[in-house]
Amino acid sequence: MISILETFEVATGSVREILRVDGRVEAPNWSPCGGWLLVNAAGRLYRVPLDRPRLEPVETGAATRCNNDHGITPDGR
């Protein structure tokens, strides 16, 4: 399976591929600053910086079975 993260610009209909990875990546959420996405994959959370797209692991302690329904605090933590 391959997952592709894309953005869609409503005003123009433009689609931009952000990241393509082997495996399942789900539930992207925008950061408050708009500079990165938060996604889950294989039970972990990852940041995807838009200026250099890649999966950056987020430290979640004992929470290693994360799946959808995650969010970001207003200050981006």
C-alpha atoms as a PDB file:
ATOM      1  CA  MET A   1       0.000   0.000   0.000  1.00  0.00           C
ATOM      2  CA  ILE A   2       1.129   3.542  -0.749  1.00  0.00           C
ATOM      3  CA  SER A   3      -0.233   6.658   0.961  1.00  0.00           C
ATOM      4  CA  ILE A   4      -0.116  10.057  -0.694  1.00  0.00           C
ATOM      5  CA  LEU A   5      -0.650  13.263   1.283  1.00  0.00           C
ATOM      6  CA  GLU A   6      -1.941  16.066  -0.910  1.00  0.00           C
ATOM      7  CA  THR A   7      -3.280  19.568  -0.428  1.00  0.00           C
ATOM      8  CA  PHE A   8      -6.120  21.009  -2.469  1.00  0.00           C
ATOM      9  CA  GLU A   9      -6.490  24.742  -3.094  1.00  0.00           C
ATOM     10  CA  VAL A  10     -10.199  25.440  -3.282  1.00  0.00           C
ATOM     11  CA  ALA A  11      -9.905  28.744  -5.149  1.00  0.00           C
ATOM     12  CA  THR A  12      -7.906  27.303  -8.050  1.00  0.00           C
ATOM     13  CA  GLY A  13      -8.585  23.567  -7.897  1.00  0.00           C
ATOM     14  CA  SER A  14      -4.831  23.005  -7.685  1.00  0.00           C
ATOM     15  CA  VAL A  15      -3.601  19.762  -6.102  1.00  0.00           C
ATOM     16  CA  ARG A  16      -0.096  19.497  -4.618  1.00  0.00           C
ATOM     17  CA  GLU A  17       1.489  16.215  -3.604  1.00  0.00           C
ATOM     18  CA  ILE A  18       3.187  16.696  -0.238  1.00  0.00           C
ATOM     19  CA  LEU A  19       4.469  13.219   0.605  1.00  0.00           C
ATOM     20  CA  ARG A  20       4.295   9.672  -0.777  1.00  0.00           C
ATOM     21  CA  VAL A  21       5.165   6.814   1.583  1.00  0.00           C
ATOM     22  CA  ASP A  22       4.925   3.032   1.652  1.00  0.00           C
ATOM     23  CA  GLY A  23       2.249   1.959   4.134  1.00  0.00           C
ATOM     24  CA  ARG A  24      -0.858   3.573   5.528  1.00  0.00           C
ATOM     25  CA  VAL A  25      -0.813   7.193   6.695  1.00  0.00           C
ATOM     26  CA  GLU A  26      -4.115   8.579   7.987  1.00  0.00           C
ATOM     27  CA  ALA A  27      -6.024  11.537   9.373  1.00  0.00           C
ATOM     28  CA  PRO A  28      -3.941  14.609   8.486  1.00  0.00           C
ATOM     29  CA  ASN A  29      -4.588  17.697  10.616  1.00  0.00           C
ATOM     30  CA  TRP A  30      -3.181  21.176   9.933  1.00  0.00           C
ATOM     31  CA  SER A  31      -0.971  22.764  12.554  1.00  0.00           C
ATOM     32  CA  PRO A  32      -2.187  26.126  13.896  1.00  0.00           C
ATOM     33  CA  CYS A  33       0.701  27.856  12.083  1.00  0.00           C
ATOM     34  CA  GLY A  34      -0.031  26.044   8.793  1.00  0.00           C
ATOM     35  CA  GLY A  35       3.570  24.866   8.505  1.00  0.00           C
ATOM     36  CA  TRP A  36       3.092  21.155   9.160  1.00  0.00           C
ATOM     37  CA  LEU A  37       0.566  18.340   9.253  1.00  0.00           C
ATOM     38  CA  LEU A  38      -0.036  15.838  12.032  1.00  0.00           C
ATOM     39  CA  VAL A  39      -0.787  12.287  10.857  1.00  0.00           C
ATOM     40  CA  ASN A  40      -0.934   8.801  12.316  1.00  0.00           C
ATOM     41  CA  ALA A  41       0.704   5.676  10.934  1.00  0.00           C
ATOM     42  CA  ALA A  42       1.206   2.235  12.465  1.00  0.00           C
ATOM     43  CA  GLY A  43      -0.076   3.414  15.852  1.00  0.00           C
ATOM     44  CA  ARG A  44       2.235   6.415  16.133  1.00  0.00           C
ATOM     45  CA  LEU A  45       1.844  10.148  15.493  1.00  0.00           C
ATOM     46  CA  TYR A  46       4.083  12.003  13.048  1.00  0.00           C
ATOM     47  CA  ARG A  47       4.652  15.603  12.011  1.00  0.00           C
ATOM     48  CA  VAL A  48       5.041  16.291   8.309  1.00  0.00           C
ATOM     49  CA  PRO A  49       6.798  19.644   7.816  1.00  0.00           C
ATOM     50  CA  LEU A  50       5.615  21.216   4.580  1.00  0.00           C
ATOM     51  CA  ASP A  51       8.959  22.862   3.801  1.00  0.00           C
ATOM     52  CA  ARG A  52      10.816  19.487   3.926  1.00  0.00           C
ATOM     53  CA  PRO A  53       8.135  16.764   3.881  1.00  0.00           C
ATOM     54  CA  ARG A  54       8.997  13.602   5.818  1.00  0.00           C
ATOM     55  CA  LEU A  55       7.534  11.649   8.719  1.00  0.00           C
ATOM     56  CA  GLU A  56       8.962  13.012  11.989  1.00  0.00           C
ATOM     57  CA  PRO A  57       7.935  10.888  15.004  1.00  0.00           C
ATOM     58  CA  VAL A  58       6.073  12.681  17.801  1.00  0.00           C
ATOM     59  CA  GLU A  59       6.901  11.463  21.298  1.00  0.00           C
ATOM     60  CA  THR A  60       3.681  10.060  22.781  1.00  0.00           C
ATOM     61  CA  GLY A  61       5.070   8.050  25.687  1.00  0.00           C
ATOM     62  CA  ALA A  62       3.071   4.875  26.288  1.00  0.00           C
ATOM     63  CA  ALA A  63       0.471   5.830  23.650  1.00  0.00           C
ATOM     64  CA  THR A  64       1.655   3.616  20.800  1.00  0.00           C
ATOM     65  CA  ARG A  65      -1.705   2.596  19.353  1.00  0.00           C
ATOM     66  CA  CYS A  66      -2.877   5.993  18.080  1.00  0.00           C
ATOM     67  CA  ASN A  67      -5.513   5.836  15.367  1.00  0.00           C
ATOM     68  CA  ASN A  68      -7.427   8.845  14.000  1.00  0.00           C
ATOM     69  CA  ASP A  69      -9.206  11.369  16.225  1.00  0.00           C
ATOM     70  CA  HIS A  70      -6.045  13.149  17.289  1.00  0.00           C
ATOM     71  CA  GLY A  71      -5.802  16.912  17.574  1.00  0.00           C
ATOM     72  CA  ILE A  72      -3.363  19.719  18.157  1.00  0.00           C
ATOM     73  CA  THR A  73      -3.482  22.207  20.997  1.00  0.00           C
ATOM     74  CA  PRO A  74      -3.898  25.864  19.961  1.00  0.00           C
ATOM     75  CA  ASP A  75      -0.228  26.492  20.785  1.00  0.00           C
ATOM     76  CA  GLY A  76       0.848  23.620  18.488  1.00  0.00           C
ATOM     77  CA  ARG A  77       2.068  21.129  21.120  1.00  0.00           C
END
